[in-house]
C-alpha cells in the first residue's frame, strides 16, 4: 500500500500522516473480528504521542485509520482519498495478481464454510460494484477504476457461477 501512497502523495495535504495511517491501519487485524480499525486507531493514539507526534497529527492519523472501515472520504478530504485509494488499489491488479489476492482472501477466511463465504463475498463485491466510483483521486479514477471493476465482476461471476 505504501508504494500506492507514494504514487498518490501529491494529492494529499499531509502525505506523511497518510503514510503513518497506512502503517497503523492493520496494526490490529483478526479476520473474525469487526473492530480491527478501531483497535488499530487506538493503538496509533497511544503510540504516536510517545514518538513525539502532536495531538493534532495523531488525531488525523487515527481518523484516517477509522476511515478504512467505509472507504468513503468526504469530498475534498484529500488525505482520506489517498489512503482509501491506496488501500483499494489491490483491486486493480493485473488478472493474475488479483486472482492471487482473491485466493489470499479465501485463505484468510478459511474458517468460514464455502457456501457462507461465497454468499458473503458476493455481497461485498456487489456493494463495491454499486458504488458510483471506487477511487476518489484523479489518478485512481483514471488508472485503476476500470481494471478494478473488471476484476470485481470476474470474481463475482466465478463465485455465483
N, C-alpha and C. Protein backbone atom coordinates (compact mmCIF):
# COMPACT_ATOMS: atom_id res chain seq x y z
N UNK A 1 0.82 -1.19 0.00
CA UNK A 1 0.00 0.00 0.00
C UNK A 1 0.87 1.26 0.00
N UNK A 2 2.02 1.21 0.64
CA UNK A 2 2.87 2.41 0.70
C UNK A 2 3.33 2.87 -0.67
N UNK A 3 3.59 1.94 -1.58
CA UNK A 3 4.01 2.38 -2.92
C UNK A 3 2.86 3.10 -3.63
N UNK A 4 1.64 2.70 -3.34
CA UNK A 4 0.50 3.40 -3.93
C UNK A 4 0.33 4.79 -3.31
N UNK A 5 0.62 4.89 -2.03
CA UNK A 5 0.57 6.21 -1.39
C UNK A 5 1.62 7.11 -2.02
N UNK A 6 2.80 6.55 -2.29
CA UNK A 6 3.84 7.35 -2.94
C UNK A 6 3.36 7.85 -4.31
N UNK A 7 2.65 7.00 -5.04
CA UNK A 7 2.11 7.39 -6.34
C UNK A 7 1.11 8.53 -6.21
N UNK A 8 0.33 8.51 -5.14
CA UNK A 8 -0.76 9.47 -4.95
C UNK A 8 -0.40 10.64 -4.03
N UNK A 9 0.81 10.67 -3.52
CA UNK A 9 1.21 11.62 -2.47
C UNK A 9 0.93 13.07 -2.82
N UNK A 10 1.09 13.44 -4.07
CA UNK A 10 0.86 14.84 -4.45
C UNK A 10 -0.58 15.29 -4.24
N UNK A 11 -1.49 14.35 -4.15
CA UNK A 11 -2.90 14.66 -3.95
C UNK A 11 -3.22 14.96 -2.49
N UNK A 12 -2.40 14.45 -1.57
CA UNK A 12 -2.69 14.58 -0.13
C UNK A 12 -2.21 15.92 0.42
N UNK A 13 -2.92 16.40 1.43
CA UNK A 13 -2.48 17.59 2.17
C UNK A 13 -1.30 17.27 3.08
N UNK A 14 -1.31 16.05 3.63
CA UNK A 14 -0.26 15.65 4.58
C UNK A 14 0.15 14.20 4.29
N UNK A 15 0.90 13.98 3.22
CA UNK A 15 1.25 12.60 2.85
C UNK A 15 1.98 11.84 3.94
N UNK A 16 2.73 12.53 4.77
CA UNK A 16 3.45 11.83 5.85
C UNK A 16 2.47 11.25 6.87
N UNK A 17 1.35 11.93 7.09
CA UNK A 17 0.34 11.39 8.00
C UNK A 17 -0.43 10.26 7.35
N UNK A 18 -0.63 10.34 6.06
CA UNK A 18 -1.28 9.25 5.33
C UNK A 18 -0.40 8.00 5.40
N UNK A 19 0.91 8.17 5.27
CA UNK A 19 1.83 7.02 5.38
C UNK A 19 1.75 6.40 6.78
N UNK A 20 1.70 7.23 7.80
CA UNK A 20 1.57 6.70 9.16
C UNK A 20 0.24 5.94 9.31
N UNK A 21 -0.82 6.47 8.76
CA UNK A 21 -2.12 5.79 8.82
C UNK A 21 -2.04 4.44 8.11
N UNK A 22 -1.33 4.39 7.00
CA UNK A 22 -1.16 3.12 6.29
C UNK A 22 -0.43 2.10 7.16
N UNK A 23 0.59 2.57 7.88
CA UNK A 23 1.32 1.67 8.77
C UNK A 23 0.42 1.14 9.87
N UNK A 24 -0.46 1.99 10.39
CA UNK A 24 -1.29 1.60 11.52
C UNK A 24 -2.60 0.94 11.13
N UNK A 25 -3.04 1.06 9.88
CA UNK A 25 -4.42 0.67 9.57
C UNK A 25 -4.70 -0.82 9.81
N UNK A 26 -3.72 -1.67 9.74
CA UNK A 26 -3.92 -3.09 10.07
C UNK A 26 -3.02 -3.50 11.23
N UNK A 27 -2.70 -2.57 12.11
CA UNK A 27 -1.86 -2.91 13.26
C UNK A 27 -2.52 -3.99 14.10
N UNK A 28 -3.82 -3.93 14.19
CA UNK A 28 -4.60 -4.97 14.84
C UNK A 28 -5.48 -5.57 13.76
N UNK A 29 -5.31 -6.86 13.50
CA UNK A 29 -6.11 -7.46 12.44
C UNK A 29 -6.40 -8.92 12.76
N UNK A 30 -7.69 -9.20 12.90
CA UNK A 30 -8.17 -10.57 13.02
C UNK A 30 -9.39 -10.67 12.12
N UNK A 31 -9.36 -11.56 11.13
CA UNK A 31 -10.47 -11.62 10.18
C UNK A 31 -11.82 -11.97 10.80
N UNK A 32 -11.81 -12.54 11.99
CA UNK A 32 -13.07 -12.89 12.64
C UNK A 32 -13.59 -11.80 13.56
N UNK A 33 -12.98 -10.63 13.50
CA UNK A 33 -13.39 -9.50 14.35
C UNK A 33 -13.77 -8.30 13.50
N UNK A 34 -14.66 -7.47 14.00
CA UNK A 34 -15.11 -6.30 13.24
C UNK A 34 -14.52 -5.00 13.76
N UNK A 35 -13.82 -5.05 14.88
CA UNK A 35 -13.32 -3.80 15.47
C UNK A 35 -11.84 -3.56 15.19
N UNK A 36 -11.30 -4.18 14.17
CA UNK A 36 -9.87 -4.06 13.87
C UNK A 36 -9.43 -2.61 13.65
N UNK A 37 -10.18 -1.87 12.86
CA UNK A 37 -9.80 -0.49 12.57
C UNK A 37 -9.83 0.37 13.83
N UNK A 38 -10.85 0.18 14.63
CA UNK A 38 -10.95 0.96 15.87
C UNK A 38 -9.78 0.64 16.79
N UNK A 39 -9.46 -0.62 16.92
CA UNK A 39 -8.35 -1.01 17.79
C UNK A 39 -7.02 -0.53 17.23
N UNK A 40 -6.87 -0.55 15.89
CA UNK A 40 -5.65 -0.04 15.26
C UNK A 40 -5.52 1.46 15.48
N UNK A 41 -6.63 2.19 15.34
CA UNK A 41 -6.62 3.64 15.56
C UNK A 41 -6.26 3.95 17.02
N UNK A 42 -6.81 3.18 17.94
CA UNK A 42 -6.49 3.39 19.35
C UNK A 42 -5.01 3.13 19.62
N UNK A 43 -4.45 2.15 18.94
CA UNK A 43 -3.02 1.88 19.10
C UNK A 43 -2.20 3.07 18.59
N UNK A 44 -2.61 3.65 17.46
CA UNK A 44 -1.93 4.84 16.95
C UNK A 44 -2.03 5.99 17.95
N UNK A 45 -3.21 6.15 18.55
CA UNK A 45 -3.41 7.22 19.52
C UNK A 45 -2.53 7.05 20.76
N UNK A 46 -2.20 5.83 21.09
CA UNK A 46 -1.29 5.58 22.22
C UNK A 46 0.17 5.75 21.81
N UNK A 47 0.54 5.21 20.66
CA UNK A 47 1.96 5.14 20.27
C UNK A 47 2.51 6.45 19.71
N UNK A 48 1.74 7.14 18.91
CA UNK A 48 2.29 8.29 18.20
C UNK A 48 2.67 9.46 19.11
N UNK A 49 1.88 9.79 20.13
CA UNK A 49 2.33 10.86 21.03
C UNK A 49 3.64 10.49 21.75
N UNK A 50 3.79 9.21 22.08
CA UNK A 50 5.03 8.76 22.71
C UNK A 50 6.22 8.94 21.77
N UNK A 51 5.96 8.89 20.46
CA UNK A 51 7.01 9.08 19.47
C UNK A 51 7.23 10.56 19.14
N UNK A 52 6.44 11.44 19.79
CA UNK A 52 6.64 12.87 19.61
C UNK A 52 5.70 13.54 18.63
N UNK A 53 4.72 12.82 18.11
CA UNK A 53 3.78 13.42 17.18
C UNK A 53 2.79 14.30 17.95
N UNK A 54 2.43 15.42 17.37
CA UNK A 54 1.49 16.34 18.03
C UNK A 54 0.12 15.68 18.18
N UNK A 55 -0.67 16.25 19.08
CA UNK A 55 -2.03 15.75 19.30
C UNK A 55 -2.86 15.88 18.02
N UNK A 56 -2.69 16.99 17.31
CA UNK A 56 -3.42 17.22 16.06
C UNK A 56 -3.07 16.17 15.00
N UNK A 57 -1.78 15.93 14.84
CA UNK A 57 -1.33 14.96 13.84
C UNK A 57 -1.77 13.55 14.22
N UNK A 58 -1.68 13.23 15.49
CA UNK A 58 -2.13 11.92 15.97
C UNK A 58 -3.61 11.73 15.69
N UNK A 59 -4.39 12.75 15.94
CA UNK A 59 -5.84 12.66 15.69
C UNK A 59 -6.12 12.44 14.21
N UNK A 60 -5.35 13.08 13.34
CA UNK A 60 -5.55 12.89 11.91
C UNK A 60 -5.20 11.46 11.49
N UNK A 61 -4.13 10.92 11.99
CA UNK A 61 -3.77 9.53 11.67
C UNK A 61 -4.87 8.59 12.14
N UNK A 62 -5.35 8.77 13.36
CA UNK A 62 -6.40 7.90 13.89
C UNK A 62 -7.68 8.04 13.07
N UNK A 63 -8.02 9.26 12.68
CA UNK A 63 -9.21 9.48 11.84
C UNK A 63 -9.07 8.72 10.52
N UNK A 64 -7.91 8.79 9.93
CA UNK A 64 -7.68 8.11 8.65
C UNK A 64 -7.78 6.59 8.81
N UNK A 65 -7.21 6.07 9.87
CA UNK A 65 -7.32 4.62 10.11
C UNK A 65 -8.78 4.23 10.22
N UNK A 66 -9.57 5.00 10.96
CA UNK A 66 -11.00 4.69 11.10
C UNK A 66 -11.74 4.80 9.78
N UNK A 67 -11.28 5.64 8.91
CA UNK A 67 -11.92 5.82 7.61
C UNK A 67 -11.84 4.57 6.75
N UNK A 68 -10.87 3.69 7.02
CA UNK A 68 -10.75 2.48 6.22
C UNK A 68 -11.87 1.47 6.50
N UNK A 69 -12.73 1.77 7.45
CA UNK A 69 -13.92 0.93 7.66
C UNK A 69 -14.85 1.08 6.46
N UNK A 70 -15.07 2.31 6.02
CA UNK A 70 -16.05 2.58 4.96
C UNK A 70 -15.42 2.88 3.60
N UNK A 71 -14.19 3.32 3.60
CA UNK A 71 -13.53 3.78 2.37
C UNK A 71 -14.38 4.84 1.68
N UNK A 72 -14.96 5.73 2.46
CA UNK A 72 -15.86 6.74 1.93
C UNK A 72 -15.50 8.13 2.47
N UNK A 73 -14.37 8.67 2.02
CA UNK A 73 -13.99 10.01 2.50
C UNK A 73 -14.93 11.07 1.95
N UNK A 74 -15.07 12.14 2.71
CA UNK A 74 -15.87 13.27 2.24
C UNK A 74 -15.18 13.93 1.06
N UNK A 75 -15.95 14.54 0.20
CA UNK A 75 -15.40 15.29 -0.93
C UNK A 75 -14.42 16.33 -0.40
N UNK A 76 -13.24 16.34 -0.97
CA UNK A 76 -12.22 17.30 -0.56
C UNK A 76 -11.32 16.81 0.57
N UNK A 77 -11.60 15.64 1.11
CA UNK A 77 -10.73 15.05 2.15
C UNK A 77 -9.58 14.34 1.42
N UNK A 78 -8.60 15.13 1.02
CA UNK A 78 -7.54 14.59 0.17
C UNK A 78 -6.71 13.53 0.88
N UNK A 79 -6.47 13.69 2.16
CA UNK A 79 -5.74 12.64 2.89
C UNK A 79 -6.54 11.33 2.88
N UNK A 80 -7.82 11.44 3.16
CA UNK A 80 -8.69 10.26 3.15
C UNK A 80 -8.79 9.64 1.77
N UNK A 81 -8.87 10.47 0.75
CA UNK A 81 -8.93 9.95 -0.61
C UNK A 81 -7.69 9.15 -0.96
N UNK A 82 -6.53 9.66 -0.58
CA UNK A 82 -5.28 8.96 -0.88
C UNK A 82 -5.21 7.64 -0.13
N UNK A 83 -5.50 7.65 1.16
CA UNK A 83 -5.42 6.40 1.92
C UNK A 83 -6.40 5.37 1.39
N UNK A 84 -7.62 5.77 1.17
CA UNK A 84 -8.63 4.82 0.69
C UNK A 84 -8.28 4.29 -0.70
N UNK A 85 -7.84 5.16 -1.59
CA UNK A 85 -7.45 4.70 -2.92
C UNK A 85 -6.27 3.74 -2.84
N UNK A 86 -5.29 4.05 -2.02
CA UNK A 86 -4.14 3.18 -1.88
C UNK A 86 -4.55 1.82 -1.30
N UNK A 87 -5.47 1.84 -0.36
CA UNK A 87 -5.93 0.59 0.24
C UNK A 87 -6.70 -0.26 -0.76
N UNK A 88 -7.46 0.37 -1.63
CA UNK A 88 -8.26 -0.37 -2.61
C UNK A 88 -7.50 -0.66 -3.91
N UNK A 89 -6.30 -0.15 -4.05
CA UNK A 89 -5.54 -0.34 -5.30
C UNK A 89 -5.32 -1.81 -5.62
N UNK A 90 -5.31 -2.67 -4.62
CA UNK A 90 -5.14 -4.10 -4.85
C UNK A 90 -6.24 -4.63 -5.79
N UNK A 91 -7.38 -3.98 -5.79
CA UNK A 91 -8.49 -4.41 -6.65
C UNK A 91 -8.17 -4.21 -8.13
N UNK A 92 -7.20 -3.36 -8.42
CA UNK A 92 -6.88 -3.01 -9.81
C UNK A 92 -5.63 -3.73 -10.32
N UNK A 93 -5.24 -4.78 -9.67
CA UNK A 93 -4.07 -5.52 -10.13
C UNK A 93 -4.33 -6.20 -11.46
N UNK A 94 -3.26 -6.65 -12.10
CA UNK A 94 -3.48 -7.43 -13.33
C UNK A 94 -4.23 -8.71 -12.94
N UNK A 95 -4.82 -9.40 -13.89
CA UNK A 95 -5.66 -10.55 -13.54
C UNK A 95 -4.98 -11.60 -12.65
N UNK A 96 -3.71 -11.85 -12.89
CA UNK A 96 -3.00 -12.85 -12.07
C UNK A 96 -2.83 -12.34 -10.64
N UNK A 97 -2.45 -11.10 -10.50
CA UNK A 97 -2.28 -10.52 -9.16
C UNK A 97 -3.62 -10.47 -8.43
N UNK A 98 -4.68 -10.13 -9.14
CA UNK A 98 -5.98 -10.08 -8.49
C UNK A 98 -6.43 -11.48 -8.08
N UNK A 99 -6.18 -12.47 -8.92
CA UNK A 99 -6.54 -13.85 -8.58
C UNK A 99 -5.79 -14.29 -7.32
N UNK A 100 -4.52 -13.91 -7.21
CA UNK A 100 -3.75 -14.24 -6.01
C UNK A 100 -4.33 -13.54 -4.79
N UNK A 101 -4.74 -12.28 -4.95
CA UNK A 101 -5.38 -11.54 -3.86
C UNK A 101 -6.67 -12.24 -3.44
N UNK A 102 -7.51 -12.61 -4.41
CA UNK A 102 -8.78 -13.26 -4.09
C UNK A 102 -8.54 -14.59 -3.38
N UNK A 103 -7.53 -15.33 -3.81
CA UNK A 103 -7.20 -16.60 -3.15
C UNK A 103 -6.73 -16.35 -1.72
N UNK A 104 -5.97 -15.29 -1.52
CA UNK A 104 -5.50 -14.95 -0.18
C UNK A 104 -6.67 -14.56 0.73
N UNK A 105 -7.65 -13.87 0.16
CA UNK A 105 -8.84 -13.52 0.95
C UNK A 105 -9.55 -14.81 1.38
N UNK A 106 -9.69 -15.75 0.46
CA UNK A 106 -10.36 -17.00 0.82
C UNK A 106 -9.58 -17.74 1.90
N UNK A 107 -8.27 -17.76 1.78
CA UNK A 107 -7.43 -18.42 2.78
C UNK A 107 -7.55 -17.74 4.14
N UNK A 108 -7.62 -16.43 4.11
CA UNK A 108 -7.75 -15.66 5.35
C UNK A 108 -9.05 -15.99 6.07
N UNK A 109 -10.08 -16.30 5.31
CA UNK A 109 -11.38 -16.64 5.87
C UNK A 109 -11.66 -18.13 5.77
N UNK A 110 -10.62 -18.93 5.89
CA UNK A 110 -10.75 -20.39 5.78
C UNK A 110 -11.70 -20.96 6.83
N UNK A 111 -11.88 -20.26 7.93
CA UNK A 111 -12.77 -20.72 9.00
C UNK A 111 -14.25 -20.59 8.62
N UNK A 112 -14.53 -19.90 7.51
CA UNK A 112 -15.92 -19.72 7.06
C UNK A 112 -16.25 -20.83 6.06
N UNK A 113 -17.35 -21.54 6.24
CA UNK A 113 -17.74 -22.58 5.28
C UNK A 113 -17.90 -22.00 3.87
N UNK A 114 -17.65 -22.84 2.86
CA UNK A 114 -17.64 -22.39 1.46
C UNK A 114 -18.90 -21.63 1.06
N UNK A 115 -20.06 -22.18 1.33
CA UNK A 115 -21.31 -21.53 0.90
C UNK A 115 -21.48 -20.17 1.57
N UNK A 116 -21.20 -20.10 2.84
CA UNK A 116 -21.31 -18.83 3.55
C UNK A 116 -20.29 -17.83 3.03
N UNK A 117 -19.10 -18.30 2.72
CA UNK A 117 -18.08 -17.40 2.18
C UNK A 117 -18.53 -16.86 0.82
N UNK A 118 -18.99 -17.75 -0.06
CA UNK A 118 -19.42 -17.30 -1.39
C UNK A 118 -20.53 -16.26 -1.28
N UNK A 119 -21.49 -16.51 -0.41
CA UNK A 119 -22.60 -15.58 -0.22
C UNK A 119 -22.10 -14.24 0.31
N UNK A 120 -21.28 -14.27 1.35
CA UNK A 120 -20.78 -13.04 1.96
C UNK A 120 -19.85 -12.27 1.03
N UNK A 121 -18.96 -12.99 0.38
CA UNK A 121 -18.02 -12.32 -0.54
C UNK A 121 -18.77 -11.72 -1.72
N UNK A 122 -19.75 -12.42 -2.24
CA UNK A 122 -20.55 -11.89 -3.36
C UNK A 122 -21.27 -10.61 -2.92
N UNK A 123 -21.74 -10.58 -1.70
CA UNK A 123 -22.41 -9.37 -1.20
C UNK A 123 -21.42 -8.20 -1.14
N UNK A 124 -20.22 -8.44 -0.66
CA UNK A 124 -19.19 -7.39 -0.61
C UNK A 124 -18.88 -6.90 -2.02
N UNK A 125 -18.71 -7.82 -2.95
CA UNK A 125 -18.38 -7.43 -4.33
C UNK A 125 -19.51 -6.62 -4.96
N UNK A 126 -20.75 -7.02 -4.72
CA UNK A 126 -21.89 -6.27 -5.26
C UNK A 126 -21.94 -4.85 -4.67
N UNK A 127 -21.64 -4.74 -3.37
CA UNK A 127 -21.62 -3.42 -2.75
C UNK A 127 -20.55 -2.54 -3.38
N UNK A 128 -19.38 -3.10 -3.60
CA UNK A 128 -18.31 -2.33 -4.25
C UNK A 128 -18.71 -1.92 -5.66
N UNK A 129 -19.25 -2.85 -6.42
CA UNK A 129 -19.64 -2.54 -7.80
C UNK A 129 -20.78 -1.54 -7.88
N UNK A 130 -21.59 -1.44 -6.84
CA UNK A 130 -22.70 -0.49 -6.83
C UNK A 130 -22.25 0.93 -6.54
N UNK A 131 -21.04 1.10 -6.03
CA UNK A 131 -20.55 2.45 -5.76
C UNK A 131 -20.40 3.22 -7.07
N UNK A 132 -20.71 4.51 -7.05
CA UNK A 132 -20.54 5.30 -8.27
C UNK A 132 -19.08 5.35 -8.73
N UNK A 133 -18.17 5.29 -7.77
CA UNK A 133 -16.75 5.21 -8.10
C UNK A 133 -16.02 4.58 -6.92
N UNK A 134 -15.04 3.77 -7.25
CA UNK A 134 -14.23 3.12 -6.23
C UNK A 134 -13.11 4.03 -5.76
N UNK A 135 -12.57 4.80 -6.69
CA UNK A 135 -11.39 5.61 -6.42
C UNK A 135 -11.74 7.09 -6.49
N UNK A 136 -11.17 7.86 -5.56
CA UNK A 136 -11.51 9.26 -5.44
C UNK A 136 -10.45 10.20 -5.98
N UNK A 137 -9.21 9.74 -6.06
CA UNK A 137 -8.17 10.63 -6.58
C UNK A 137 -8.25 10.61 -8.11
N UNK A 138 -7.81 11.67 -8.76
CA UNK A 138 -7.81 11.66 -10.23
C UNK A 138 -7.00 10.49 -10.80
N UNK A 139 -5.85 10.21 -10.20
CA UNK A 139 -5.03 9.10 -10.69
C UNK A 139 -5.76 7.77 -10.52
N UNK A 140 -6.31 7.54 -9.34
CA UNK A 140 -7.02 6.29 -9.10
C UNK A 140 -8.18 6.10 -10.06
N UNK A 141 -8.94 7.16 -10.27
CA UNK A 141 -10.07 7.07 -11.20
C UNK A 141 -9.63 6.75 -12.61
N UNK A 142 -8.56 7.38 -13.04
CA UNK A 142 -8.08 7.19 -14.42
C UNK A 142 -7.36 5.86 -14.60
N UNK A 143 -6.50 5.51 -13.65
CA UNK A 143 -5.61 4.37 -13.83
C UNK A 143 -6.14 3.05 -13.25
N UNK A 144 -7.02 3.10 -12.26
CA UNK A 144 -7.39 1.87 -11.57
C UNK A 144 -8.86 1.49 -11.67
N UNK A 145 -9.74 2.46 -11.88
CA UNK A 145 -11.18 2.19 -11.80
C UNK A 145 -11.65 1.08 -12.73
N UNK A 146 -11.34 1.18 -14.01
CA UNK A 146 -11.86 0.21 -14.99
C UNK A 146 -11.34 -1.20 -14.69
N UNK A 147 -10.05 -1.32 -14.43
CA UNK A 147 -9.50 -2.65 -14.17
C UNK A 147 -10.06 -3.23 -12.87
N UNK A 148 -10.23 -2.41 -11.86
CA UNK A 148 -10.80 -2.90 -10.59
C UNK A 148 -12.21 -3.42 -10.81
N UNK A 149 -13.00 -2.69 -11.58
CA UNK A 149 -14.37 -3.15 -11.85
C UNK A 149 -14.38 -4.44 -12.65
N UNK A 150 -13.47 -4.58 -13.59
CA UNK A 150 -13.36 -5.85 -14.34
C UNK A 150 -13.02 -6.99 -13.39
N UNK A 151 -12.05 -6.78 -12.52
CA UNK A 151 -11.65 -7.82 -11.58
C UNK A 151 -12.78 -8.20 -10.63
N UNK A 152 -13.47 -7.21 -10.10
CA UNK A 152 -14.58 -7.47 -9.19
C UNK A 152 -15.70 -8.23 -9.90
N UNK A 153 -16.00 -7.84 -11.11
CA UNK A 153 -17.04 -8.50 -11.89
C UNK A 153 -16.66 -9.94 -12.18
N UNK A 154 -15.42 -10.17 -12.56
CA UNK A 154 -14.96 -11.54 -12.84
C UNK A 154 -15.05 -12.40 -11.59
N UNK A 155 -14.59 -11.87 -10.44
CA UNK A 155 -14.66 -12.66 -9.21
C UNK A 155 -16.12 -12.95 -8.86
N UNK A 156 -16.99 -11.97 -9.01
CA UNK A 156 -18.41 -12.19 -8.70
C UNK A 156 -18.99 -13.28 -9.59
N UNK A 157 -18.67 -13.25 -10.86
CA UNK A 157 -19.15 -14.28 -11.79
C UNK A 157 -18.63 -15.66 -11.39
N UNK A 158 -17.38 -15.74 -10.99
CA UNK A 158 -16.82 -17.03 -10.56
C UNK A 158 -17.48 -17.54 -9.29
N UNK A 159 -17.82 -16.64 -8.38
CA UNK A 159 -18.46 -17.04 -7.13
C UNK A 159 -19.90 -17.47 -7.31
N UNK A 160 -20.58 -16.82 -8.24
CA UNK A 160 -22.03 -17.07 -8.37
C UNK A 160 -22.36 -17.99 -9.53
N UNK A 161 -21.34 -18.33 -10.33
CA UNK A 161 -21.43 -19.30 -11.41
C UNK A 161 -22.53 -19.07 -12.37
